[in-house]
Amino acid sequence: METILIFAGGNSPTEGLSEELPEADLVVAADSGYDHAVGAGFRVDVLVGDFDSIETDVLASHVIVERFPTDKDATDLELALTRVAAERPERVVVVGGGGGRVDHELAVASLLCSSRWAEVEIDWVTDRGWAHVIHGRRIIHGDVGSLVSLLPMGGPALGVNTKGLRWQLEGADLVFGTTRGVSNEFVAPVADVRLASGCLLAVIPSSG
């Protein structure tokens, strides 16, 4: 499969969502992400989770349901990611998962940057903007003048090179915990970000 959408819980950026998201070969919902997906007009193919927060009482008949016990060692989103990784997609876009409990939001950021999904292009959209996971190289898009922060995740991001940003990086090493990559700026509608090793989370906050 080329593209899979995963709808997570938390706040969902439902306004104008169908115009921002790519066409998907499969739509997966993690628990209450089903409510967000259906509310935004998406047809959910697979529902994963322990269903402790979903509000919908009656599911569409075509939905494949994969139920897990409440006492489990992974979040519903991690279960959904594990499920879709088996499909070997080129790209996964996670929708939601932000704006709720701060521990949940931090856990999502950590989860998406796991080396387990390093072969998959992963994006994350919440009601506060977009984030792109970068292993190796990514081309990211943004309006000229808009902000983007490059955050090393889980360890150092080594040999970072950028083009299309106001403050260029050339072979830079960004250690985990540094703020050097915060509040960079697009000087072109396309930016090229490369790194020799590690992982970066490129966060583009919404202008609103």
Protein backbone atom coordinates (compact mmCIF):
# COMPACT_ATOMS: atom_id res chain seq x y z
CA MET A 1 0.00 0.00 0.00
CA GLU A 2 1.13 3.55 -0.65
CA THR A 3 -0.69 5.69 1.94
CA ILE A 4 -2.51 4.82 5.17
CA LEU A 5 -4.37 7.24 7.42
CA ILE A 6 -4.56 6.54 11.15
CA PHE A 7 -7.07 8.55 13.17
CA ALA A 8 -6.07 8.79 16.83
CA GLY A 9 -7.87 10.17 19.89
CA GLY A 10 -7.31 13.58 21.43
CA ASN A 11 -8.30 16.73 19.60
CA SER A 12 -8.85 16.23 15.88
CA PRO A 13 -8.34 18.98 13.27
CA THR A 14 -11.66 18.32 11.56
CA GLU A 15 -12.20 21.68 9.81
CA GLY A 16 -11.10 21.40 6.18
CA LEU A 17 -9.44 18.09 6.94
CA SER A 18 -10.45 16.27 3.75
CA GLU A 19 -8.68 18.91 1.65
CA GLU A 20 -5.40 18.67 3.59
CA LEU A 21 -5.01 14.91 3.83
CA PRO A 22 -3.80 12.69 0.97
CA GLU A 23 -5.94 10.01 -0.61
CA ALA A 24 -5.54 6.81 1.35
CA ASP A 25 -5.48 3.15 0.41
CA LEU A 26 -6.58 2.25 3.96
CA VAL A 27 -8.13 4.22 6.83
CA VAL A 28 -7.51 2.91 10.34
CA ALA A 29 -8.96 4.28 13.57
CA ALA A 30 -7.44 3.87 17.02
CA ASP A 31 -10.34 3.74 19.49
CA SER A 32 -12.02 7.18 19.66
CA GLY A 33 -10.22 8.14 16.46
CA TYR A 34 -13.20 6.42 14.85
CA ASP A 35 -15.44 9.26 16.04
CA HIS A 36 -13.06 11.85 14.54
CA ALA A 37 -12.77 10.01 11.23
CA VAL A 38 -16.50 9.54 10.74
CA GLY A 39 -17.19 13.10 11.87
CA ALA A 40 -14.81 14.36 9.19
CA GLY A 41 -16.49 12.26 6.51
CA PHE A 42 -13.95 9.42 6.20
CA ARG A 43 -14.80 5.76 5.67
CA VAL A 44 -12.96 3.72 8.30
CA ASP A 45 -11.74 0.30 7.18
CA VAL A 46 -10.18 -1.01 10.43
CA LEU A 47 -10.87 -0.15 14.07
CA VAL A 48 -8.19 -1.06 16.65
CA GLY A 49 -8.14 -0.64 20.42
CA ASP A 50 -9.71 -1.49 23.75
CA PHE A 51 -12.69 0.79 23.01
CA ASP A 52 -12.69 2.52 26.37
CA SER A 53 -13.18 5.99 24.84
CA ILE A 54 -15.08 5.55 21.57
CA GLU A 55 -18.50 7.22 21.64
CA THR A 56 -20.08 5.69 18.54
CA ASP A 57 -22.52 2.94 19.50
CA VAL A 58 -23.12 1.35 16.09
CA LEU A 59 -20.24 0.74 13.68
CA ALA A 60 -20.57 0.55 9.92
CA SER A 61 -20.95 -3.07 8.80
CA HIS A 62 -17.81 -3.07 6.66
CA VAL A 63 -15.43 -2.13 9.50
CA ILE A 64 -12.91 -4.76 10.55
CA VAL A 65 -12.74 -4.69 14.36
CA GLU A 66 -9.60 -5.70 16.25
CA ARG A 67 -10.33 -5.52 19.98
CA PHE A 68 -7.67 -5.64 22.71
CA PRO A 69 -8.02 -5.91 26.50
CA THR A 70 -7.92 -2.72 28.55
CA ASP A 71 -4.96 -4.10 30.53
CA LYS A 72 -2.33 -4.03 27.80
CA ASP A 73 1.27 -2.90 27.33
CA ALA A 74 0.74 -0.53 24.39
CA THR A 75 -1.49 2.41 23.56
CA ASP A 76 -4.22 2.06 20.95
CA LEU A 77 -2.15 4.16 18.55
CA GLU A 78 0.88 1.89 18.93
CA LEU A 79 -1.35 -1.11 18.22
CA ALA A 80 -2.69 0.65 15.12
CA LEU A 81 0.83 1.50 13.91
CA THR A 82 1.96 -2.07 14.42
CA ARG A 83 -1.07 -3.22 12.45
CA VAL A 84 -0.45 -0.94 9.47
CA ALA A 85 3.32 -1.57 9.43
CA ALA A 86 2.50 -5.13 8.37
CA GLU A 87 0.98 -3.66 5.18
CA ARG A 88 4.38 -2.14 4.28
CA PRO A 89 3.00 1.29 3.30
CA GLU A 90 5.13 4.04 1.80
CA ARG A 91 3.50 6.73 3.93
CA VAL A 92 1.44 6.89 7.14
CA VAL A 93 -0.37 10.03 8.23
CA VAL A 94 -1.48 10.08 11.87
CA VAL A 95 -4.42 12.41 12.51
CA GLY A 96 -5.11 13.65 16.04
CA GLY A 97 -3.42 12.50 19.20
CA GLY A 98 -2.73 16.05 20.40
CA GLY A 99 -4.39 18.56 22.65
CA GLY A 100 -5.40 16.09 25.34
CA ARG A 101 -3.26 14.80 28.20
CA VAL A 102 0.30 16.05 27.93
CA ASP A 103 1.74 12.60 28.66
CA HIS A 104 -0.28 11.16 25.77
CA GLU A 105 0.95 13.86 23.41
CA LEU A 106 4.60 13.36 24.36
CA ALA A 107 4.15 9.60 24.02
CA VAL A 108 2.79 10.06 20.49
CA ALA A 109 5.82 12.14 19.46
CA SER A 110 8.16 9.49 20.87
CA LEU A 111 6.23 6.63 19.29
CA LEU A 112 6.19 8.13 15.79
CA CYS A 113 9.97 8.63 15.87
CA SER A 114 10.70 5.02 16.81
CA SER A 115 13.26 3.27 14.61
CA ARG A 116 10.66 0.52 14.10
CA TRP A 117 9.00 2.67 11.44
CA ALA A 118 12.19 4.11 9.94
CA GLU A 119 11.39 2.71 6.50
CA VAL A 120 7.99 4.46 6.43
CA GLU A 121 7.38 8.14 5.72
CA ILE A 122 5.38 9.30 8.76
CA ASP A 123 3.49 12.57 9.18
CA TRP A 124 1.44 13.79 12.13
CA VAL A 125 -1.33 16.39 11.96
CA THR A 126 -3.12 17.82 14.99
CA ASP A 127 -5.26 20.89 15.62
CA ARG A 128 -1.99 22.80 16.20
CA GLY A 129 -0.08 21.97 13.04
CA TRP A 130 1.90 19.32 11.19
CA ALA A 131 5.01 17.32 12.08
CA HIS A 132 7.18 15.19 9.79
CA VAL A 133 9.41 12.37 10.97
CA ILE A 134 12.80 12.40 9.23
CA HIS A 135 15.11 9.40 8.97
CA GLY A 136 17.76 10.01 6.35
CA ARG A 137 16.03 12.57 4.12
CA ARG A 138 12.67 14.32 3.71
CA ILE A 139 11.36 17.03 1.43
CA ILE A 140 8.96 19.17 3.48
CA HIS A 141 6.58 21.88 2.34
CA GLY A 142 5.60 25.14 4.01
CA ASP A 143 4.64 28.72 3.26
CA VAL A 144 7.52 31.16 2.86
CA GLY A 145 8.00 32.87 6.21
CA SER A 146 6.32 30.13 8.23
CA LEU A 147 8.13 28.52 11.15
CA VAL A 148 9.57 25.03 11.37
CA SER A 149 11.47 23.47 14.27
CA LEU A 150 13.88 20.56 13.81
CA LEU A 151 13.93 18.52 17.01
CA PRO A 152 16.30 15.57 17.54
CA MET A 153 14.35 12.64 18.95
CA GLY A 154 15.60 9.73 21.04
CA GLY A 155 19.27 10.64 20.68
CA PRO A 156 21.56 12.80 18.55
CA ALA A 157 20.76 13.69 14.95
CA LEU A 158 24.13 13.68 13.22
CA GLY A 159 25.29 15.25 9.97
CA VAL A 160 22.23 17.43 9.44
CA ASN A 161 22.07 19.42 6.19
CA THR A 162 19.23 21.71 5.14
CA LYS A 163 18.24 23.75 2.11
CA GLY A 164 15.33 26.16 1.83
CA LEU A 165 15.47 27.35 5.44
CA ARG A 166 16.61 30.73 6.75
CA TRP A 167 19.29 29.27 9.05
CA GLN A 168 21.00 26.57 7.02
CA LEU A 169 22.67 23.61 8.67
CA GLU A 170 25.73 22.03 7.06
CA GLY A 171 26.92 18.79 8.61
CA ALA A 172 25.54 19.89 11.98
CA ASP A 173 25.15 17.55 14.94
CA LEU A 174 22.01 18.22 16.97
CA VAL A 175 22.26 16.48 20.32
CA PHE A 176 19.13 15.30 22.08
CA GLY A 177 17.83 18.16 24.24
CA THR A 178 19.31 21.01 22.20
CA THR A 179 17.10 23.94 21.17
CA ARG A 180 19.29 24.96 18.25
CA GLY A 181 16.74 23.75 15.70
CA VAL A 182 13.77 25.60 17.21
CA SER A 183 11.99 28.35 15.21
CA ASN A 184 13.74 28.12 11.87
CA GLU A 185 11.89 29.61 8.90
CA PHE A 186 10.99 28.65 5.34
CA VAL A 187 12.61 30.91 2.71
CA ALA A 188 11.23 28.71 -0.07
CA PRO A 189 8.03 26.65 -0.33
CA VAL A 190 10.10 23.45 -0.26
CA ALA A 191 12.86 22.53 2.19
CA ASP A 192 15.31 19.64 1.85
CA VAL A 193 16.42 18.08 5.16
CA ARG A 194 19.04 15.34 5.31
CA LEU A 195 20.87 13.63 8.15
CA ALA A 196 23.50 10.93 8.36
CA SER A 197 21.99 9.19 11.38
CA GLY A 198 19.35 9.61 14.06
CA CYS A 199 15.87 11.05 13.81
CA LEU A 200 14.44 14.56 13.49
CA LEU A 201 10.89 15.69 14.06
CA ALA A 202 10.17 18.68 11.82
CA VAL A 203 7.32 20.56 13.50
CA ILE A 204 5.37 23.18 11.53
CA PRO A 205 2.98 24.95 13.91
CA SER A 206 -0.26 26.30 12.51
CA SER A 207 -0.33 30.03 11.95
CA GLY A 208 -3.72 30.31 13.63
